[in-house]
Amino acid sequence: MMLFSLPKRLLVALLILVLSACDTPDNSEPPAELTDIENAEYVRERWSVDTGKGAIENFFDMQPLVLGPKIFTIDTTGLIQQIDSKKGKIEWSFESGLTAIAGLSGNEQYLVATSSEGQVSLFERNTEDLTLLWQTNLNSEIRSRAILDGQQVFARTVDGHLSAINTADGAVSWSLSRRVPALSLTGHSHPIVTEDLVISGFDNGKLLALEKDDGTVIWEATVGVPTGRTEIERLIDLDGQFIVRDGVIYICAFQGKLAAITVNSGQVLWTRKFSSFQAIEADNESLYITDDRSHLWSIDRRTGSAFWKQDILNARKITAPRLVDDKLVVADLEGYVHWFNKQDGKLVSRIATHGHRYISQPVALDTHAIVLDASGQLTALTQKR
């Protein structure tokens, strides 16, 4: 968990509380000490490159975008760069002018970028730079990537709106809103688009499936229900990135549940008590997820029961896991990247990178784990010799 979004009156009260406690010790749980790995497996850094101004103080998820052999990044000043994934070489840079706090999306023809001011921009990809085709203002902060799907771009804003934008001219085709609680986690998941539906999670613990063309709600499912007396105890945000596999949505709420829900009908297949704000990874049998204590889990996709749990990185604020070959890769608050066996959760390798915290889930590219730290350093790591 990072920061909170809250009204001015609550923010003032919280600041007063923090300032009054400046002379008191930090009572948060200390991160687990790293221990030696017996017979550690080989891992090395292939290349590393500076992608611009990072988000060290604000913990924004600026996850890089991989399209074929190219990697695209955007920094917090709006600098977009294309990087050759083989050599780690910056091939071109483009100043978009956006105050970006989320990563890019796109395809072979276009890139989509967003900003903290609510701007959504569509760029055409050229050989050596980009061409701005249009820019639309949704008038509210955008904390997750907008999703490009054929003739539409779908964007979630912090005021509880999901908007569909026409790729031809940047006009908003439709918009749907849901109530935003008084207090919520910083960030949110991006929508996922299927053949006919756009699926989006909201800060009130609801998951919605809508018609892509007109925004008609097809079904609505509850993943988290607020409990407790305080606003913090009642947080149930659907911030962790959910996934769709074989017609089933796997999603988790902070202080809520991990659930499996059918795409077509919204039927809940199973749930289990769980708390996470991290993205979910999956293979044919398992879900892999980091909980809010930095424990790594393997969960049976069919039943929701646990295959294993690994707590060796307790409180190290690890990222969501990523499958690279047959290993799970996570990164932590001190710039270490860790490899685990997916079969049993055993820690098998570790490498120190550049000493800065990781927020974004690693990206898999062939046999490489591509990791972006909070300073903006992009690094390719591999177990191949």
Protein backbone atom coordinates (compact mmCIF):
# COMPACT_ATOMS: atom_id res chain seq x y z
CA MET A 1 0.00 0.00 0.00
CA MET A 2 1.32 3.43 -0.90
CA LEU A 3 -0.55 6.70 -0.58
CA PHE A 4 -4.20 7.63 -0.18
CA SER A 5 -6.58 9.85 -2.12
CA LEU A 6 -8.84 11.75 0.22
CA PRO A 7 -10.88 14.96 0.58
CA LYS A 8 -9.20 18.14 1.80
CA ARG A 9 -10.74 17.96 5.28
CA LEU A 10 -9.39 14.43 5.81
CA LEU A 11 -6.03 15.38 4.34
CA VAL A 12 -5.64 18.28 6.77
CA ALA A 13 -6.54 16.07 9.72
CA LEU A 14 -4.07 13.44 8.59
CA LEU A 15 -1.28 15.99 8.16
CA ILE A 16 -1.89 17.31 11.67
CA LEU A 17 -1.71 13.77 13.01
CA VAL A 18 1.52 13.05 11.13
CA LEU A 19 3.17 16.29 12.23
CA SER A 20 2.23 15.73 15.85
CA ALA A 21 3.92 12.34 15.71
CA CYS A 22 7.21 13.46 14.17
CA ASP A 23 9.17 12.79 17.37
CA THR A 24 7.78 9.29 17.82
CA PRO A 25 9.55 6.17 16.50
CA ASP A 26 8.39 4.39 13.35
CA ASN A 27 6.26 1.48 14.51
CA SER A 28 5.77 -0.05 11.07
CA GLU A 29 6.93 -3.62 10.56
CA PRO A 30 10.62 -3.67 9.53
CA PRO A 31 11.44 -5.42 6.25
CA ALA A 32 12.83 -8.93 6.54
CA GLU A 33 16.61 -9.23 6.41
CA LEU A 34 17.97 -10.89 3.30
CA THR A 35 19.58 -14.25 3.94
CA ASP A 36 22.12 -16.20 1.90
CA ILE A 37 20.74 -18.49 -0.77
CA GLU A 38 22.24 -21.97 -0.72
CA ASN A 39 23.40 -23.04 -4.19
CA ALA A 40 21.98 -19.88 -5.73
CA GLU A 41 21.20 -20.08 -9.43
CA TYR A 42 23.01 -17.90 -11.94
CA VAL A 43 21.53 -14.49 -12.85
CA ARG A 44 23.08 -11.47 -14.53
CA GLU A 45 22.34 -8.01 -15.80
CA ARG A 46 22.24 -7.87 -19.59
CA TRP A 47 21.88 -4.09 -19.93
CA SER A 48 20.59 -1.02 -18.12
CA VAL A 49 19.47 2.38 -19.39
CA ASP A 50 18.21 5.65 -17.87
CA THR A 51 14.69 6.39 -19.14
CA GLY A 52 14.33 9.87 -17.60
CA LYS A 53 12.78 11.34 -14.47
CA GLY A 54 11.34 8.65 -12.24
CA ALA A 55 8.75 8.72 -9.48
CA ILE A 56 10.82 8.05 -6.36
CA GLU A 57 8.73 10.25 -4.06
CA ASN A 58 5.27 9.38 -5.39
CA PHE A 59 5.36 5.62 -6.13
CA PHE A 60 3.68 5.85 -9.53
CA ASP A 61 3.42 2.71 -11.66
CA MET A 62 5.23 3.62 -14.90
CA GLN A 63 5.46 0.06 -16.22
CA PRO A 64 7.24 -0.11 -19.61
CA LEU A 65 5.39 -1.27 -22.72
CA VAL A 66 6.87 -4.08 -24.80
CA LEU A 67 5.83 -4.27 -28.47
CA GLY A 68 7.81 -6.87 -30.38
CA PRO A 69 11.54 -6.16 -30.08
CA LYS A 70 10.94 -2.59 -28.89
CA ILE A 71 10.36 -1.25 -25.38
CA PHE A 72 8.55 2.06 -24.85
CA THR A 73 8.83 4.14 -21.68
CA ILE A 74 7.42 7.43 -20.47
CA ASP A 75 8.81 9.45 -17.57
CA THR A 76 7.01 11.88 -15.26
CA THR A 77 7.87 14.85 -17.51
CA GLY A 78 6.28 13.13 -20.51
CA LEU A 79 9.52 12.01 -22.19
CA ILE A 80 8.71 8.98 -24.38
CA GLN A 81 11.56 6.76 -25.52
CA GLN A 82 11.91 3.76 -27.81
CA ILE A 83 14.52 1.24 -26.68
CA ASP A 84 16.02 -1.70 -28.56
CA SER A 85 15.37 -4.68 -26.30
CA LYS A 86 18.43 -6.59 -27.55
CA LYS A 87 21.05 -3.95 -26.84
CA GLY A 88 19.32 -1.66 -24.33
CA LYS A 89 19.96 1.25 -26.68
CA ILE A 90 17.68 4.32 -26.84
CA GLU A 91 16.70 4.68 -30.50
CA TRP A 92 14.71 7.91 -30.23
CA SER A 93 13.13 10.26 -27.68
CA PHE A 94 9.98 12.35 -27.94
CA GLU A 95 8.83 15.18 -25.62
CA SER A 96 5.06 14.77 -25.19
CA GLY A 97 4.69 17.57 -22.61
CA LEU A 98 2.43 15.39 -20.44
CA THR A 99 2.74 15.10 -16.68
CA ALA A 100 2.56 11.32 -16.77
CA ILE A 101 1.90 9.12 -13.74
CA ALA A 102 1.10 5.88 -15.59
CA GLY A 103 2.66 3.79 -18.34
CA LEU A 104 1.87 3.67 -22.04
CA SER A 105 -0.36 1.36 -24.05
CA GLY A 106 -0.51 0.82 -27.78
CA ASN A 107 0.03 -1.43 -30.77
CA GLU A 108 2.19 -1.55 -33.90
CA GLN A 109 0.66 1.69 -35.20
CA TYR A 110 -0.22 3.86 -32.20
CA LEU A 111 0.80 4.76 -28.65
CA VAL A 112 -1.56 6.11 -25.98
CA ALA A 113 -0.31 8.26 -23.11
CA THR A 114 -2.16 9.86 -20.19
CA SER A 115 -1.50 12.55 -17.61
CA SER A 116 -2.25 13.59 -14.05
CA GLU A 117 -4.41 16.41 -15.50
CA GLY A 118 -6.72 13.93 -17.22
CA GLN A 119 -5.32 14.19 -20.73
CA VAL A 120 -5.46 11.19 -23.06
CA SER A 121 -3.21 11.50 -26.11
CA LEU A 122 -3.04 9.28 -29.19
CA PHE A 123 0.25 9.23 -31.12
CA GLU A 124 1.06 7.64 -34.45
CA ARG A 125 4.30 5.68 -34.41
CA ASN A 126 6.90 6.75 -36.95
CA THR A 127 10.37 5.40 -37.67
CA GLU A 128 12.17 7.96 -35.53
CA ASP A 129 9.52 9.70 -33.42
CA LEU A 130 5.76 10.15 -32.84
CA THR A 131 3.03 12.32 -34.33
CA LEU A 132 0.25 13.60 -32.07
CA LEU A 133 -3.13 12.79 -33.66
CA TRP A 134 -5.39 14.12 -30.90
CA GLN A 135 -5.57 14.94 -27.21
CA THR A 136 -8.74 14.69 -25.11
CA ASN A 137 -9.16 16.03 -21.56
CA LEU A 138 -11.23 13.92 -19.16
CA ASN A 139 -10.86 16.56 -16.39
CA SER A 140 -9.67 14.14 -13.70
CA GLU A 141 -6.38 12.46 -12.79
CA ILE A 142 -5.51 9.24 -14.62
CA ARG A 143 -3.43 6.80 -12.55
CA SER A 144 -3.47 3.73 -14.80
CA ARG A 145 -2.74 3.19 -18.46
CA ALA A 146 -5.55 3.82 -20.94
CA ILE A 147 -6.27 0.78 -23.10
CA LEU A 148 -6.27 0.96 -26.88
CA ASP A 149 -8.66 -1.50 -28.53
CA GLY A 150 -9.33 -1.10 -32.23
CA GLN A 151 -11.61 1.91 -32.70
CA GLN A 152 -11.72 2.89 -29.01
CA VAL A 153 -9.53 3.93 -26.09
CA PHE A 154 -10.80 3.12 -22.59
CA ALA A 155 -9.61 5.20 -19.63
CA ARG A 156 -10.34 5.16 -15.87
CA THR A 157 -10.12 8.39 -13.91
CA VAL A 158 -9.92 8.92 -10.15
CA ASP A 159 -13.35 10.55 -10.00
CA GLY A 160 -14.90 7.12 -10.66
CA HIS A 161 -15.48 7.45 -14.40
CA LEU A 162 -14.78 4.92 -17.13
CA SER A 163 -14.73 6.62 -20.53
CA ALA A 164 -14.66 5.32 -24.10
CA ILE A 165 -12.90 7.56 -26.61
CA ASN A 166 -13.14 7.26 -30.39
CA THR A 167 -9.70 6.68 -31.90
CA ALA A 168 -10.68 8.47 -35.11
CA ASP A 169 -11.19 11.92 -33.58
CA GLY A 170 -10.71 11.75 -29.80
CA ALA A 171 -14.40 12.32 -29.04
CA VAL A 172 -15.81 10.67 -25.91
CA SER A 173 -18.31 8.03 -27.09
CA TRP A 174 -19.72 7.25 -23.65
CA SER A 175 -18.86 7.52 -19.96
CA LEU A 176 -20.02 5.67 -16.86
CA SER A 177 -19.38 6.64 -13.24
CA ARG A 178 -19.46 4.97 -9.85
CA ARG A 179 -19.24 6.56 -6.41
CA VAL A 180 -15.74 7.06 -5.04
CA PRO A 181 -15.33 6.42 -1.27
CA ALA A 182 -14.03 9.19 0.98
CA LEU A 183 -10.70 7.37 1.25
CA SER A 184 -9.04 5.16 -1.36
CA LEU A 185 -5.64 3.78 -2.28
CA THR A 186 -3.49 5.62 -4.76
CA GLY A 187 -3.78 4.03 -8.18
CA HIS A 188 -6.26 1.67 -9.79
CA SER A 189 -6.35 -1.18 -12.28
CA HIS A 190 -6.78 -0.51 -15.97
CA PRO A 191 -9.78 -1.88 -17.89
CA ILE A 192 -9.56 -5.16 -19.78
CA VAL A 193 -11.25 -5.52 -23.16
CA THR A 194 -12.66 -8.79 -24.50
CA GLU A 195 -14.36 -9.40 -27.86
CA ASP A 196 -17.59 -7.66 -26.84
CA LEU A 197 -17.04 -6.27 -23.34
CA VAL A 198 -14.93 -3.82 -21.42
CA ILE A 199 -14.40 -4.88 -17.82
CA SER A 200 -13.39 -2.46 -15.08
CA GLY A 201 -12.95 -2.47 -11.32
CA PHE A 202 -13.95 0.46 -9.08
CA ASP A 203 -12.94 1.80 -5.67
CA ASN A 204 -16.21 0.66 -4.08
CA GLY A 205 -15.30 -3.01 -4.55
CA LYS A 206 -17.51 -3.49 -7.64
CA LEU A 207 -16.47 -5.13 -10.90
CA LEU A 208 -18.49 -4.15 -13.98
CA ALA A 209 -18.78 -5.59 -17.49
CA LEU A 210 -20.09 -3.18 -20.12
CA GLU A 211 -20.88 -3.26 -23.81
CA LYS A 212 -17.90 -1.78 -25.65
CA ASP A 213 -20.03 0.14 -28.13
CA ASP A 214 -22.41 2.04 -25.83
CA GLY A 215 -21.40 1.41 -22.20
CA THR A 216 -24.50 -0.58 -21.28
CA VAL A 217 -23.88 -2.48 -18.03
CA ILE A 218 -24.15 -6.23 -18.72
CA TRP A 219 -23.42 -7.42 -15.20
CA GLU A 220 -22.00 -6.22 -11.89
CA ALA A 221 -20.21 -8.30 -9.25
CA THR A 222 -19.15 -7.46 -5.70
CA VAL A 223 -15.56 -8.39 -4.83
CA GLY A 224 -15.17 -6.43 -1.60
CA VAL A 225 -17.61 -5.19 1.04
CA PRO A 226 -16.53 -2.40 3.47
CA THR A 227 -16.15 -3.49 7.09
CA GLY A 228 -14.84 -1.79 10.21
CA ARG A 229 -15.39 1.57 11.86
CA THR A 230 -12.66 3.75 10.37
CA GLU A 231 -12.24 4.87 6.76
CA ILE A 232 -8.93 2.97 6.56
CA GLU A 233 -10.54 -0.24 7.84
CA ARG A 234 -13.26 0.14 5.19
CA LEU A 235 -10.88 0.39 2.21
CA ILE A 236 -11.83 -2.22 -0.41
CA ASP A 237 -10.26 -0.85 -3.60
CA LEU A 238 -9.86 -3.03 -6.70
CA ASP A 239 -6.42 -1.57 -7.38
CA GLY A 240 -4.50 -4.73 -8.24
CA GLN A 241 -4.53 -5.51 -11.95
CA PHE A 242 -6.98 -8.33 -12.59
CA ILE A 243 -6.57 -10.82 -15.44
CA VAL A 244 -8.77 -12.86 -17.79
CA ARG A 245 -7.90 -16.48 -18.56
CA ASP A 246 -10.08 -19.01 -20.41
CA GLY A 247 -13.26 -17.01 -19.93
CA VAL A 248 -12.68 -16.38 -16.22
CA ILE A 249 -11.71 -13.13 -14.47
CA TYR A 250 -9.36 -13.41 -11.51
CA ILE A 251 -9.45 -10.35 -9.28
CA CYS A 252 -8.57 -9.32 -5.73
CA ALA A 253 -9.73 -6.50 -3.47
CA PHE A 254 -7.62 -4.80 -0.83
CA GLN A 255 -8.91 -6.01 2.57
CA GLY A 256 -11.45 -8.10 0.66
CA LYS A 257 -11.46 -11.27 -1.39
CA LEU A 258 -9.68 -13.06 -4.19
CA ALA A 259 -12.35 -14.19 -6.63
CA ALA A 260 -12.93 -16.08 -9.87
CA ILE A 261 -15.79 -14.65 -11.96
CA THR A 262 -17.05 -15.72 -15.37
CA VAL A 263 -16.65 -13.16 -18.16
CA ASN A 264 -19.98 -13.74 -19.90
CA SER A 265 -22.35 -13.79 -16.92
CA GLY A 266 -20.52 -12.39 -13.90
CA GLN A 267 -21.12 -15.61 -11.97
CA VAL A 268 -18.80 -15.98 -8.98
CA LEU A 269 -17.12 -19.40 -9.20
CA TRP A 270 -15.20 -19.15 -5.94
CA THR A 271 -13.85 -16.63 -3.44
CA ARG A 272 -11.37 -16.70 -0.59
CA LYS A 273 -10.46 -14.07 1.98
CA PHE A 274 -7.41 -12.20 0.74
CA SER A 275 -5.92 -8.70 0.67
CA SER A 276 -3.78 -7.35 -2.14
CA PHE A 277 -3.32 -4.25 -4.27
CA GLN A 278 -0.91 -5.98 -6.68
CA ALA A 279 -1.37 -7.43 -10.16
CA ILE A 280 -2.11 -11.13 -10.60
CA GLU A 281 0.02 -13.47 -12.70
CA ALA A 282 -1.12 -16.91 -13.93
CA ASP A 283 -0.24 -20.07 -15.81
CA ASN A 284 -2.45 -23.03 -16.73
CA GLU A 285 -2.87 -24.22 -13.14
CA SER A 286 -2.02 -21.42 -10.73
CA LEU A 287 -2.54 -17.80 -9.85
CA TYR A 288 0.51 -16.03 -8.45
CA ILE A 289 -0.07 -12.99 -6.27
CA THR A 290 1.67 -10.83 -3.68
CA ASP A 291 -0.46 -10.01 -0.64
CA ASP A 292 -0.39 -6.77 1.36
CA ARG A 293 2.34 -8.17 3.68
CA SER A 294 4.69 -9.01 0.79
CA HIS A 295 3.98 -12.72 1.03
CA LEU A 296 4.03 -14.55 -2.29
CA TRP A 297 1.25 -17.07 -2.98
CA SER A 298 0.42 -19.79 -5.48
CA ILE A 299 -3.35 -20.33 -5.70
CA ASP A 300 -5.25 -23.11 -7.50
CA ARG A 301 -7.17 -21.50 -10.38
CA ARG A 302 -9.93 -24.13 -10.15
CA THR A 303 -10.74 -23.91 -6.43
CA GLY A 304 -9.00 -20.94 -4.85
CA SER A 305 -7.07 -23.14 -2.43
CA ALA A 306 -3.39 -22.40 -1.79
CA PHE A 307 -0.64 -24.57 -3.25
CA TRP A 308 2.02 -22.70 -1.26
CA LYS A 309 2.87 -19.43 0.48
CA GLN A 310 6.34 -17.85 0.72
CA ASP A 311 6.96 -15.21 3.42
CA ILE A 312 10.74 -14.91 3.25
CA LEU A 313 10.42 -11.31 1.92
CA ASN A 314 7.96 -10.21 4.59
CA ALA A 315 7.38 -6.42 4.63
CA ARG A 316 9.92 -5.79 1.85
CA LYS A 317 7.15 -4.17 -0.24
CA ILE A 318 7.72 -6.48 -3.18
CA THR A 319 6.14 -5.99 -6.57
CA ALA A 320 3.62 -8.24 -8.23
CA PRO A 321 5.25 -11.42 -9.54
CA ARG A 322 6.01 -12.11 -13.18
CA LEU A 323 6.59 -15.50 -14.79
CA VAL A 324 9.87 -15.65 -16.70
CA ASP A 325 10.38 -19.13 -18.08
CA ASP A 326 9.48 -21.36 -15.11
CA LYS A 327 10.46 -18.84 -12.44
CA LEU A 328 8.57 -16.11 -10.59
CA VAL A 329 10.37 -12.75 -10.48
CA VAL A 330 9.66 -9.98 -7.97
CA ALA A 331 11.56 -6.83 -7.00
CA ASP A 332 11.69 -5.00 -3.68
CA LEU A 333 12.07 -1.69 -1.85
CA GLU A 334 15.89 -1.79 -1.79
CA GLY A 335 16.49 -2.54 -5.45
CA TYR A 336 16.89 -6.31 -5.19
CA VAL A 337 15.28 -8.63 -7.73
CA HIS A 338 14.41 -12.18 -6.59
CA TRP A 339 13.72 -15.45 -8.47
CA PHE A 340 11.44 -18.20 -7.05
CA ASN A 341 10.55 -21.67 -8.25
CA LYS A 342 6.93 -21.58 -9.32
CA GLN A 343 6.39 -25.20 -8.29
CA ASP A 344 7.20 -24.82 -4.58
CA GLY A 345 7.97 -21.13 -3.92
CA LYS A 346 11.62 -21.75 -3.08
CA LEU A 347 13.90 -18.71 -3.39
CA VAL A 348 16.61 -19.67 -5.89
CA SER A 349 18.36 -16.47 -6.95
CA ARG A 350 18.79 -12.77 -6.24
CA ILE A 351 20.56 -9.81 -7.80
CA ALA A 352 21.17 -6.26 -6.57
CA THR A 353 20.49 -3.62 -9.19
CA HIS A 354 20.79 0.14 -8.63
CA GLY A 355 19.53 0.58 -5.08
CA HIS A 356 16.18 2.19 -5.83
CA ARG A 357 12.75 0.88 -4.97
CA TYR A 358 10.63 -1.01 -7.47
CA ILE A 359 6.91 -0.33 -7.88
CA SER A 360 6.01 -1.77 -11.27
CA GLN A 361 5.52 -5.47 -11.94
CA PRO A 362 8.46 -6.85 -13.96
CA VAL A 363 7.83 -7.49 -17.66
CA ALA A 364 8.79 -10.76 -19.34
CA LEU A 365 10.55 -10.57 -22.70
CA ASP A 366 11.80 -13.90 -24.04
CA THR A 367 14.11 -15.16 -21.29
CA HIS A 368 14.56 -11.73 -19.72
CA ALA A 369 12.94 -9.92 -16.82
CA ILE A 370 12.62 -6.22 -17.67
CA VAL A 371 12.46 -4.13 -14.49
CA LEU A 372 11.93 -0.37 -14.08
CA ASP A 373 12.86 1.18 -10.74
CA ALA A 374 11.42 4.34 -9.19
CA SER A 375 14.37 6.44 -10.39
CA GLY A 376 13.63 5.59 -14.02
CA GLN A 377 16.40 3.02 -14.53
CA LEU A 378 15.33 0.24 -16.91
CA THR A 379 17.25 -3.03 -16.58
CA ALA A 380 17.20 -6.37 -18.41
CA LEU A 381 18.04 -9.40 -16.25
CA THR A 382 18.46 -13.00 -17.34
CA GLN A 383 19.42 -16.43 -16.06
CA LYS A 384 20.85 -17.38 -19.45
CA ARG A 385 24.60 -17.51 -19.79
